[in-house]
Amino acid sequence: MGLEGLSVERIARGAGLDKTSVYRRWPTREALVAAALEGVLEAVAARAGAGRVAPGVKPERLLGALVGAVIHRVMLEHEAASPRWLASLVDLTQYGALPR
């Protein structure tokens, strides 16, 4: 699907906004995606304690998993990627699904 299939209108609807509100802040789809990725990276860095990840974990693979989950949530499930949901995603990525 790629960037060509990204719908700002669908993202805006999922966030409860008009697409003009989205375009006012991010004038292109690329700018919107870049901002989303930056937000995910900041959340991961904050939760992971400035880069404490297991040896052999490639950051781009971790980021791909997170971004894929966000795209799935918004575009396929038609649900908002709320801050609470994003935090739970970061927790899942950081701590796994094993009981603590």
N, C-alpha and C. Protein backbone atom coordinates (compact mmCIF):
# COMPACT_ATOMS: atom_id res chain seq x y z
N MET A 1 0.83 -1.17 0.00
CA MET A 1 0.00 0.00 0.00
C MET A 1 0.88 1.24 0.00
N GLY A 2 1.78 1.37 0.93
CA GLY A 2 2.73 2.46 0.94
C GLY A 2 2.10 3.82 1.16
N LEU A 3 2.91 4.84 0.94
CA LEU A 3 2.48 6.21 1.15
C LEU A 3 1.34 6.59 0.20
N GLU A 4 1.32 5.99 -0.98
CA GLU A 4 0.27 6.30 -1.94
C GLU A 4 -1.11 5.97 -1.39
N GLY A 5 -1.21 4.95 -0.56
CA GLY A 5 -2.49 4.53 0.00
C GLY A 5 -2.87 5.25 1.28
N LEU A 6 -2.00 6.12 1.76
CA LEU A 6 -2.28 6.85 2.99
C LEU A 6 -3.33 7.91 2.74
N SER A 7 -4.38 7.90 3.51
CA SER A 7 -5.47 8.85 3.35
C SER A 7 -5.50 9.81 4.53
N VAL A 8 -5.18 11.07 4.27
CA VAL A 8 -5.24 12.08 5.33
C VAL A 8 -6.67 12.21 5.82
N GLU A 9 -7.61 12.10 4.92
CA GLU A 9 -9.02 12.19 5.29
C GLU A 9 -9.39 11.09 6.30
N ARG A 10 -8.94 9.87 6.05
CA ARG A 10 -9.23 8.76 6.96
C ARG A 10 -8.53 8.95 8.31
N ILE A 11 -7.31 9.44 8.27
CA ILE A 11 -6.59 9.70 9.52
C ILE A 11 -7.29 10.80 10.31
N ALA A 12 -7.69 11.85 9.62
CA ALA A 12 -8.39 12.95 10.29
C ALA A 12 -9.69 12.45 10.92
N ARG A 13 -10.44 11.66 10.17
CA ARG A 13 -11.70 11.12 10.68
C ARG A 13 -11.45 10.26 11.92
N GLY A 14 -10.41 9.43 11.89
CA GLY A 14 -10.07 8.59 13.03
C GLY A 14 -9.67 9.40 14.26
N ALA A 15 -9.11 10.57 14.02
CA ALA A 15 -8.70 11.44 15.12
C ALA A 15 -9.81 12.41 15.54
N GLY A 16 -10.94 12.36 14.82
CA GLY A 16 -12.04 13.25 15.15
C GLY A 16 -11.81 14.68 14.71
N LEU A 17 -11.08 14.85 13.59
CA LEU A 17 -10.74 16.19 13.08
C LEU A 17 -11.21 16.34 11.64
N ASP A 18 -11.28 17.59 11.18
CA ASP A 18 -11.47 17.85 9.76
C ASP A 18 -10.11 17.71 9.09
N LYS A 19 -10.13 17.28 7.81
CA LYS A 19 -8.83 17.13 7.15
C LYS A 19 -8.12 18.47 6.97
N THR A 20 -8.88 19.58 6.92
CA THR A 20 -8.23 20.89 6.83
C THR A 20 -7.41 21.18 8.08
N SER A 21 -7.87 20.69 9.24
CA SER A 21 -7.12 20.88 10.48
C SER A 21 -5.79 20.13 10.42
N VAL A 22 -5.81 18.94 9.83
CA VAL A 22 -4.59 18.15 9.69
C VAL A 22 -3.63 18.85 8.73
N TYR A 23 -4.15 19.28 7.58
CA TYR A 23 -3.30 19.94 6.59
C TYR A 23 -2.76 21.28 7.08
N ARG A 24 -3.46 21.93 7.98
CA ARG A 24 -2.96 23.20 8.53
C ARG A 24 -1.66 22.97 9.30
N ARG A 25 -1.59 21.86 9.99
CA ARG A 25 -0.39 21.57 10.79
C ARG A 25 0.67 20.83 9.99
N TRP A 26 0.23 19.89 9.14
CA TRP A 26 1.15 19.10 8.32
C TRP A 26 0.72 19.26 6.87
N PRO A 27 1.41 20.08 6.10
CA PRO A 27 0.95 20.43 4.76
C PRO A 27 1.00 19.29 3.74
N THR A 28 1.75 18.23 4.04
CA THR A 28 1.84 17.09 3.12
C THR A 28 1.69 15.79 3.88
N ARG A 29 1.38 14.73 3.16
CA ARG A 29 1.31 13.40 3.80
C ARG A 29 2.67 13.01 4.36
N GLU A 30 3.71 13.37 3.62
CA GLU A 30 5.07 13.04 4.07
C GLU A 30 5.39 13.72 5.40
N ALA A 31 4.96 14.97 5.55
CA ALA A 31 5.19 15.69 6.80
C ALA A 31 4.42 15.06 7.95
N LEU A 32 3.20 14.59 7.66
CA LEU A 32 2.39 13.91 8.67
C LEU A 32 3.05 12.61 9.11
N VAL A 33 3.52 11.83 8.17
CA VAL A 33 4.18 10.56 8.49
C VAL A 33 5.47 10.83 9.27
N ALA A 34 6.24 11.82 8.85
CA ALA A 34 7.49 12.14 9.57
C ALA A 34 7.21 12.54 11.01
N ALA A 35 6.16 13.34 11.22
CA ALA A 35 5.82 13.76 12.58
C ALA A 35 5.36 12.56 13.41
N ALA A 36 4.60 11.67 12.79
CA ALA A 36 4.14 10.48 13.52
C ALA A 36 5.33 9.60 13.91
N LEU A 37 6.25 9.41 12.99
CA LEU A 37 7.44 8.60 13.28
C LEU A 37 8.29 9.24 14.38
N GLU A 38 8.41 10.55 14.33
CA GLU A 38 9.17 11.26 15.35
C GLU A 38 8.53 11.07 16.72
N GLY A 39 7.20 11.14 16.76
CA GLY A 39 6.49 10.93 18.02
C GLY A 39 6.68 9.53 18.56
N VAL A 40 6.66 8.54 17.67
CA VAL A 40 6.88 7.15 18.09
C VAL A 40 8.29 6.99 18.62
N LEU A 41 9.27 7.55 17.91
CA LEU A 41 10.66 7.44 18.37
C LEU A 41 10.85 8.10 19.74
N GLU A 42 10.23 9.26 19.95
CA GLU A 42 10.34 9.93 21.24
C GLU A 42 9.71 9.10 22.35
N ALA A 43 8.56 8.49 22.06
CA ALA A 43 7.89 7.65 23.05
C ALA A 43 8.74 6.43 23.39
N VAL A 44 9.33 5.82 22.38
CA VAL A 44 10.17 4.64 22.62
C VAL A 44 11.40 5.04 23.42
N ALA A 45 12.03 6.15 23.06
CA ALA A 45 13.22 6.60 23.78
C ALA A 45 12.90 6.92 25.23
N ALA A 46 11.76 7.58 25.46
CA ALA A 46 11.37 7.93 26.83
C ALA A 46 11.09 6.69 27.66
N ARG A 47 10.40 5.73 27.07
CA ARG A 47 10.06 4.50 27.80
C ARG A 47 11.26 3.58 27.97
N ALA A 48 12.14 3.58 27.00
CA ALA A 48 13.26 2.64 27.02
C ALA A 48 14.45 3.17 27.81
N GLY A 49 14.37 4.38 28.36
CA GLY A 49 15.48 4.92 29.14
C GLY A 49 16.66 5.29 28.26
N ALA A 50 16.41 6.01 27.16
CA ALA A 50 17.47 6.50 26.24
C ALA A 50 18.24 5.38 25.60
N GLY A 51 17.50 4.45 24.98
CA GLY A 51 18.11 3.47 24.10
C GLY A 51 18.54 2.15 24.70
N ARG A 52 18.03 1.76 25.86
CA ARG A 52 18.39 0.45 26.41
C ARG A 52 17.55 -0.62 25.72
N VAL A 53 18.11 -1.23 24.72
CA VAL A 53 17.44 -2.33 24.02
C VAL A 53 18.37 -3.52 24.00
N ALA A 54 17.78 -4.67 23.77
CA ALA A 54 18.56 -5.90 23.76
C ALA A 54 19.58 -5.88 22.63
N PRO A 55 20.73 -6.51 22.88
CA PRO A 55 21.74 -6.59 21.81
C PRO A 55 21.15 -7.27 20.59
N GLY A 56 21.48 -6.75 19.43
CA GLY A 56 21.00 -7.33 18.18
C GLY A 56 19.67 -6.78 17.70
N VAL A 57 19.00 -5.98 18.52
CA VAL A 57 17.73 -5.39 18.09
C VAL A 57 18.05 -4.19 17.22
N LYS A 58 17.57 -4.22 15.99
CA LYS A 58 17.82 -3.12 15.07
C LYS A 58 16.72 -2.08 15.25
N PRO A 59 17.10 -0.82 15.51
CA PRO A 59 16.09 0.23 15.74
C PRO A 59 15.08 0.35 14.60
N GLU A 60 15.54 0.20 13.35
CA GLU A 60 14.61 0.33 12.23
C GLU A 60 13.57 -0.78 12.21
N ARG A 61 13.92 -1.95 12.70
CA ARG A 61 12.96 -3.05 12.77
C ARG A 61 11.94 -2.80 13.87
N LEU A 62 12.41 -2.30 15.00
CA LEU A 62 11.51 -1.95 16.11
C LEU A 62 10.56 -0.84 15.68
N LEU A 63 11.10 0.18 15.02
CA LEU A 63 10.26 1.27 14.55
C LEU A 63 9.25 0.77 13.52
N GLY A 64 9.67 -0.11 12.63
CA GLY A 64 8.75 -0.68 11.64
C GLY A 64 7.59 -1.42 12.29
N ALA A 65 7.87 -2.16 13.35
CA ALA A 65 6.81 -2.87 14.06
C ALA A 65 5.83 -1.90 14.71
N LEU A 66 6.36 -0.84 15.30
CA LEU A 66 5.49 0.15 15.94
C LEU A 66 4.64 0.89 14.91
N VAL A 67 5.27 1.35 13.85
CA VAL A 67 4.55 2.08 12.82
C VAL A 67 3.51 1.18 12.15
N GLY A 68 3.87 -0.07 11.91
CA GLY A 68 2.91 -1.02 11.33
C GLY A 68 1.69 -1.19 12.21
N ALA A 69 1.90 -1.25 13.51
CA ALA A 69 0.78 -1.38 14.44
C ALA A 69 -0.11 -0.13 14.41
N VAL A 70 0.50 1.04 14.31
CA VAL A 70 -0.27 2.28 14.26
C VAL A 70 -1.08 2.34 12.96
N ILE A 71 -0.46 2.00 11.85
CA ILE A 71 -1.17 2.00 10.57
C ILE A 71 -2.33 1.01 10.61
N HIS A 72 -2.09 -0.17 11.15
CA HIS A 72 -3.15 -1.17 11.26
C HIS A 72 -4.30 -0.64 12.10
N ARG A 73 -3.99 -0.03 13.22
CA ARG A 73 -5.01 0.50 14.12
C ARG A 73 -5.88 1.56 13.44
N VAL A 74 -5.24 2.49 12.77
CA VAL A 74 -5.96 3.62 12.18
C VAL A 74 -6.65 3.25 10.87
N MET A 75 -5.93 2.55 10.00
CA MET A 75 -6.47 2.33 8.65
C MET A 75 -7.32 1.07 8.53
N LEU A 76 -7.05 0.05 9.28
CA LEU A 76 -7.82 -1.19 9.16
C LEU A 76 -8.86 -1.35 10.26
N GLU A 77 -8.50 -0.99 11.48
CA GLU A 77 -9.46 -1.09 12.58
C GLU A 77 -10.34 0.15 12.69
N HIS A 78 -9.94 1.22 12.01
CA HIS A 78 -10.68 2.49 12.05
C HIS A 78 -10.87 2.99 13.48
N GLU A 79 -9.81 2.86 14.26
CA GLU A 79 -9.78 3.33 15.66
C GLU A 79 -8.69 4.37 15.79
N ALA A 80 -8.84 5.24 16.77
CA ALA A 80 -7.83 6.27 17.01
C ALA A 80 -6.62 5.67 17.72
N ALA A 81 -5.46 6.18 17.37
CA ALA A 81 -4.23 5.80 18.06
C ALA A 81 -4.03 6.80 19.19
N SER A 82 -4.81 6.63 20.24
CA SER A 82 -4.80 7.56 21.37
C SER A 82 -3.47 7.47 22.12
N PRO A 83 -3.15 8.50 22.89
CA PRO A 83 -1.92 8.44 23.69
C PRO A 83 -1.89 7.23 24.61
N ARG A 84 -3.03 6.87 25.18
CA ARG A 84 -3.07 5.70 26.06
C ARG A 84 -2.79 4.41 25.28
N TRP A 85 -3.36 4.31 24.08
CA TRP A 85 -3.12 3.13 23.25
C TRP A 85 -1.66 3.08 22.82
N LEU A 86 -1.11 4.22 22.43
CA LEU A 86 0.30 4.26 22.03
C LEU A 86 1.21 3.85 23.18
N ALA A 87 0.89 4.31 24.40
CA ALA A 87 1.70 3.92 25.57
C ALA A 87 1.63 2.41 25.79
N SER A 88 0.45 1.82 25.60
CA SER A 88 0.33 0.37 25.77
C SER A 88 1.12 -0.37 24.70
N LEU A 89 1.18 0.19 23.49
CA LEU A 89 1.96 -0.40 22.41
C LEU A 89 3.45 -0.36 22.73
N VAL A 90 3.89 0.77 23.23
CA VAL A 90 5.30 0.90 23.61
C VAL A 90 5.62 -0.07 24.74
N ASP A 91 4.72 -0.19 25.73
CA ASP A 91 4.92 -1.15 26.81
C ASP A 91 5.03 -2.57 26.27
N LEU A 92 4.14 -2.93 25.35
CA LEU A 92 4.17 -4.26 24.76
C LEU A 92 5.49 -4.51 24.05
N THR A 93 5.96 -3.50 23.33
CA THR A 93 7.23 -3.63 22.63
C THR A 93 8.40 -3.74 23.59
N GLN A 94 8.34 -2.95 24.65
CA GLN A 94 9.45 -2.95 25.60
C GLN A 94 9.45 -4.18 26.51
N TYR A 95 8.29 -4.56 27.00
CA TYR A 95 8.23 -5.63 27.99
C TYR A 95 7.74 -6.96 27.45
N GLY A 96 7.21 -6.98 26.24
CA GLY A 96 6.70 -8.22 25.67
C GLY A 96 5.35 -8.58 26.26
N ALA A 97 4.89 -9.76 25.92
CA ALA A 97 3.57 -10.22 26.37
C ALA A 97 3.67 -11.17 27.56
N LEU A 98 4.86 -11.34 28.09
CA LEU A 98 5.04 -12.26 29.20
C LEU A 98 4.55 -11.64 30.52
N PRO A 99 4.03 -12.46 31.41
CA PRO A 99 3.61 -11.89 32.72
C PRO A 99 4.83 -11.37 33.47
N ARG A 100 4.59 -10.33 34.25
CA ARG A 100 5.69 -9.74 35.03
C ARG A 100 5.66 -10.24 36.45
